[in-house]
Amino acid sequence: MLHDILTSKASITTGTRLVGLKRGVLAALSKYEPDLGLEGLSWKGQLLRIATECALGVQYLHGERFWHEGGDGKEAGWQNTIIHR
């Protein structure tokens, strides 16, 4: 697209400005360094929490049960929420 603007005679000034703008943006991006804070980006310290929360979720899903009144071919009583196959 930039090449098309530069090759049209009516837009030479606009095209030249866009080329300068592109160079400025590329220069700014090449010098950019994100502020990562004191620790930076790291999973350190978070993995145990994530693993614990996953395990608690699995425990909840596999350990929950509910009272079924009967019918639909099932007897009345406690039913597990997850069917293990």
N, C-alpha and C. Protein backbone atom coordinates (compact mmCIF):
# COMPACT_ATOMS: atom_id res chain seq x y z
N MET A 1 0.82 -1.19 0.00
CA MET A 1 0.00 0.00 0.00
C MET A 1 0.87 1.25 0.00
N LEU A 2 1.91 1.25 0.79
CA LEU A 2 2.80 2.41 0.85
C LEU A 2 3.46 2.64 -0.50
N HIS A 3 3.82 1.57 -1.19
CA HIS A 3 4.43 1.69 -2.51
C HIS A 3 3.46 2.34 -3.49
N ASP A 4 2.16 1.98 -3.43
CA ASP A 4 1.16 2.56 -4.32
C ASP A 4 1.02 4.06 -4.08
N ILE A 5 1.07 4.47 -2.82
CA ILE A 5 0.97 5.90 -2.52
C ILE A 5 2.18 6.65 -3.06
N LEU A 6 3.36 6.05 -2.90
CA LEU A 6 4.59 6.71 -3.37
C LEU A 6 4.64 6.82 -4.89
N THR A 7 4.08 5.87 -5.61
CA THR A 7 4.15 5.90 -7.07
C THR A 7 3.12 6.80 -7.70
N SER A 8 2.06 7.17 -7.00
CA SER A 8 1.08 8.10 -7.58
C SER A 8 1.63 9.52 -7.47
N LYS A 9 1.53 10.26 -8.56
CA LYS A 9 2.13 11.60 -8.62
C LYS A 9 1.41 12.59 -7.70
N ALA A 10 0.12 12.42 -7.50
CA ALA A 10 -0.63 13.38 -6.69
C ALA A 10 -0.32 13.24 -5.20
N SER A 11 0.20 12.10 -4.80
CA SER A 11 0.39 11.85 -3.37
C SER A 11 1.84 11.76 -2.96
N ILE A 12 2.74 12.35 -3.70
CA ILE A 12 4.16 12.24 -3.37
C ILE A 12 4.46 12.82 -1.99
N THR A 13 3.85 13.95 -1.67
CA THR A 13 4.12 14.55 -0.36
C THR A 13 3.58 13.67 0.77
N THR A 14 2.37 13.15 0.59
CA THR A 14 1.78 12.28 1.61
C THR A 14 2.62 11.01 1.76
N GLY A 15 3.04 10.45 0.63
CA GLY A 15 3.85 9.24 0.66
C GLY A 15 5.17 9.47 1.36
N THR A 16 5.80 10.60 1.12
CA THR A 16 7.07 10.92 1.77
C THR A 16 6.87 11.04 3.27
N ARG A 17 5.77 11.66 3.66
CA ARG A 17 5.48 11.78 5.10
C ARG A 17 5.25 10.40 5.72
N LEU A 18 4.55 9.53 4.99
CA LEU A 18 4.30 8.20 5.53
C LEU A 18 5.59 7.40 5.67
N VAL A 19 6.50 7.56 4.72
CA VAL A 19 7.79 6.87 4.82
C VAL A 19 8.54 7.35 6.06
N GLY A 20 8.55 8.66 6.28
CA GLY A 20 9.19 9.21 7.47
C GLY A 20 8.54 8.72 8.74
N LEU A 21 7.20 8.64 8.73
CA LEU A 21 6.47 8.15 9.89
C LEU A 21 6.81 6.69 10.15
N LYS A 22 6.87 5.90 9.06
CA LYS A 22 7.21 4.48 9.21
C LYS A 22 8.60 4.33 9.80
N ARG A 23 9.55 5.11 9.34
CA ARG A 23 10.91 5.04 9.89
C ARG A 23 10.93 5.41 11.37
N GLY A 24 10.15 6.44 11.72
CA GLY A 24 10.08 6.85 13.13
C GLY A 24 9.48 5.78 14.02
N VAL A 25 8.43 5.12 13.52
CA VAL A 25 7.80 4.06 14.29
C VAL A 25 8.75 2.88 14.44
N LEU A 26 9.42 2.50 13.35
CA LEU A 26 10.37 1.39 13.43
C LEU A 26 11.52 1.70 14.38
N ALA A 27 12.00 2.94 14.37
CA ALA A 27 13.08 3.33 15.28
C ALA A 27 12.60 3.26 16.74
N ALA A 28 11.38 3.74 16.98
CA ALA A 28 10.84 3.71 18.34
C ALA A 28 10.65 2.27 18.82
N LEU A 29 10.16 1.42 17.92
CA LEU A 29 9.94 0.02 18.30
C LEU A 29 11.25 -0.72 18.54
N SER A 30 12.28 -0.36 17.80
CA SER A 30 13.56 -1.05 17.99
C SER A 30 14.19 -0.70 19.33
N LYS A 31 13.88 0.47 19.88
CA LYS A 31 14.42 0.89 21.18
C LYS A 31 13.51 0.52 22.35
N TYR A 32 12.29 0.05 22.06
CA TYR A 32 11.31 -0.21 23.11
C TYR A 32 11.70 -1.42 23.94
N GLU A 33 11.65 -1.25 25.24
CA GLU A 33 11.83 -2.34 26.18
C GLU A 33 10.69 -2.27 27.19
N PRO A 34 9.86 -3.31 27.26
CA PRO A 34 8.71 -3.26 28.17
C PRO A 34 9.17 -3.21 29.63
N ASP A 35 8.39 -2.52 30.44
CA ASP A 35 8.66 -2.44 31.87
C ASP A 35 8.10 -3.69 32.52
N LEU A 36 8.96 -4.60 32.93
CA LEU A 36 8.53 -5.87 33.50
C LEU A 36 8.46 -5.83 35.01
N GLY A 37 8.68 -4.71 35.59
CA GLY A 37 8.63 -4.61 37.04
C GLY A 37 9.90 -5.17 37.66
N LEU A 38 9.86 -5.39 38.95
CA LEU A 38 11.04 -5.88 39.65
C LEU A 38 11.34 -7.35 39.37
N GLU A 39 10.27 -8.17 39.25
CA GLU A 39 10.47 -9.59 39.08
C GLU A 39 10.54 -10.02 37.62
N GLY A 40 9.98 -9.23 36.73
CA GLY A 40 9.91 -9.65 35.34
C GLY A 40 8.78 -10.66 35.17
N LEU A 41 8.69 -11.22 34.01
CA LEU A 41 7.67 -12.23 33.76
C LEU A 41 8.22 -13.59 34.17
N SER A 42 7.51 -14.24 35.06
CA SER A 42 8.00 -15.53 35.55
C SER A 42 6.84 -16.34 36.11
N TRP A 43 6.93 -17.65 35.95
CA TRP A 43 5.96 -18.54 36.57
C TRP A 43 6.39 -18.89 37.98
N LYS A 44 7.61 -18.51 38.35
CA LYS A 44 8.14 -18.86 39.66
C LYS A 44 7.21 -18.32 40.74
N GLY A 45 6.88 -19.17 41.67
CA GLY A 45 6.00 -18.75 42.76
C GLY A 45 4.53 -18.92 42.43
N GLN A 46 4.18 -19.14 41.17
CA GLN A 46 2.78 -19.28 40.79
C GLN A 46 2.40 -20.73 40.49
N LEU A 47 3.38 -21.56 40.15
CA LEU A 47 3.09 -22.92 39.73
C LEU A 47 2.42 -23.75 40.82
N LEU A 48 2.88 -23.63 42.05
CA LEU A 48 2.27 -24.39 43.15
C LEU A 48 0.82 -23.96 43.35
N ARG A 49 0.55 -22.67 43.29
CA ARG A 49 -0.82 -22.17 43.45
C ARG A 49 -1.71 -22.69 42.33
N ILE A 50 -1.23 -22.65 41.09
CA ILE A 50 -2.01 -23.11 39.95
C ILE A 50 -2.29 -24.61 40.06
N ALA A 51 -1.26 -25.40 40.40
CA ALA A 51 -1.44 -26.84 40.55
C ALA A 51 -2.42 -27.17 41.67
N THR A 52 -2.33 -26.44 42.77
CA THR A 52 -3.24 -26.67 43.90
C THR A 52 -4.68 -26.36 43.51
N GLU A 53 -4.90 -25.25 42.81
CA GLU A 53 -6.25 -24.89 42.40
C GLU A 53 -6.82 -25.89 41.39
N CYS A 54 -5.99 -26.40 40.50
CA CYS A 54 -6.44 -27.43 39.56
C CYS A 54 -6.83 -28.70 40.30
N ALA A 55 -6.00 -29.10 41.25
CA ALA A 55 -6.29 -30.31 42.02
C ALA A 55 -7.58 -30.15 42.83
N LEU A 56 -7.79 -28.97 43.40
CA LEU A 56 -9.02 -28.74 44.16
C LEU A 56 -10.25 -28.79 43.25
N GLY A 57 -10.11 -28.28 42.02
CA GLY A 57 -11.21 -28.35 41.07
C GLY A 57 -11.55 -29.77 40.68
N VAL A 58 -10.53 -30.60 40.44
CA VAL A 58 -10.76 -32.00 40.11
C VAL A 58 -11.37 -32.73 41.30
N GLN A 59 -10.88 -32.44 42.48
CA GLN A 59 -11.42 -33.06 43.68
C GLN A 59 -12.90 -32.69 43.84
N TYR A 60 -13.23 -31.45 43.61
CA TYR A 60 -14.62 -31.00 43.71
C TYR A 60 -15.51 -31.75 42.72
N LEU A 61 -15.06 -31.82 41.45
CA LEU A 61 -15.87 -32.47 40.43
C LEU A 61 -16.06 -33.95 40.69
N HIS A 62 -15.02 -34.61 41.17
CA HIS A 62 -15.09 -36.04 41.40
C HIS A 62 -15.70 -36.39 42.76
N GLY A 63 -15.77 -35.46 43.66
CA GLY A 63 -16.24 -35.76 45.00
C GLY A 63 -17.66 -35.30 45.28
N GLU A 64 -18.24 -34.48 44.41
CA GLU A 64 -19.59 -33.98 44.66
C GLU A 64 -20.63 -35.03 44.33
N ARG A 65 -21.71 -35.00 45.07
CA ARG A 65 -22.83 -35.88 44.78
C ARG A 65 -24.11 -35.15 45.12
N PHE A 66 -25.22 -35.68 44.67
CA PHE A 66 -26.51 -35.03 44.90
C PHE A 66 -27.56 -36.10 45.19
N TRP A 67 -28.67 -35.65 45.77
CA TRP A 67 -29.76 -36.57 46.09
C TRP A 67 -30.69 -36.67 44.89
N HIS A 68 -30.91 -37.90 44.43
CA HIS A 68 -31.82 -38.14 43.32
C HIS A 68 -33.09 -38.76 43.89
N GLU A 69 -34.23 -38.20 43.53
CA GLU A 69 -35.52 -38.64 44.08
C GLU A 69 -35.97 -39.98 43.52
N GLY A 70 -35.34 -40.44 42.48
CA GLY A 70 -35.76 -41.69 41.85
C GLY A 70 -36.45 -41.39 40.52
N GLY A 71 -36.77 -42.41 39.80
CA GLY A 71 -37.38 -42.25 38.49
C GLY A 71 -36.30 -42.25 37.42
N ASP A 72 -36.70 -42.19 36.19
CA ASP A 72 -35.77 -42.23 35.05
C ASP A 72 -34.88 -43.47 35.10
N GLY A 73 -35.39 -44.55 35.63
CA GLY A 73 -34.62 -45.78 35.71
C GLY A 73 -33.59 -45.81 36.83
N LYS A 74 -33.60 -44.81 37.70
CA LYS A 74 -32.65 -44.76 38.81
C LYS A 74 -33.39 -44.90 40.13
N GLU A 75 -32.71 -45.49 41.08
CA GLU A 75 -33.27 -45.59 42.43
C GLU A 75 -33.05 -44.28 43.17
N ALA A 76 -33.86 -44.03 44.16
CA ALA A 76 -33.67 -42.85 45.00
C ALA A 76 -32.40 -43.01 45.81
N GLY A 77 -31.67 -41.94 45.97
CA GLY A 77 -30.45 -42.00 46.77
C GLY A 77 -29.41 -41.03 46.26
N TRP A 78 -28.23 -41.10 46.86
CA TRP A 78 -27.14 -40.21 46.49
C TRP A 78 -26.54 -40.64 45.15
N GLN A 79 -26.31 -39.69 44.29
CA GLN A 79 -25.71 -39.94 42.98
C GLN A 79 -24.45 -39.10 42.84
N ASN A 80 -23.43 -39.66 42.18
CA ASN A 80 -22.22 -38.88 41.90
C ASN A 80 -22.45 -37.95 40.72
N THR A 81 -21.80 -36.78 40.76
CA THR A 81 -22.00 -35.83 39.67
C THR A 81 -21.21 -36.22 38.42
N ILE A 82 -20.10 -36.90 38.57
CA ILE A 82 -19.28 -37.30 37.44
C ILE A 82 -19.41 -38.81 37.24
N ILE A 83 -19.69 -39.20 36.02
CA ILE A 83 -19.77 -40.62 35.71
C ILE A 83 -18.39 -41.06 35.26
N HIS A 84 -17.82 -42.03 35.95
CA HIS A 84 -16.50 -42.54 35.59
C HIS A 84 -16.67 -43.71 34.65
N ARG A 85 -16.00 -43.65 33.51
CA ARG A 85 -16.11 -44.73 32.53
C ARG A 85 -14.78 -45.38 32.34
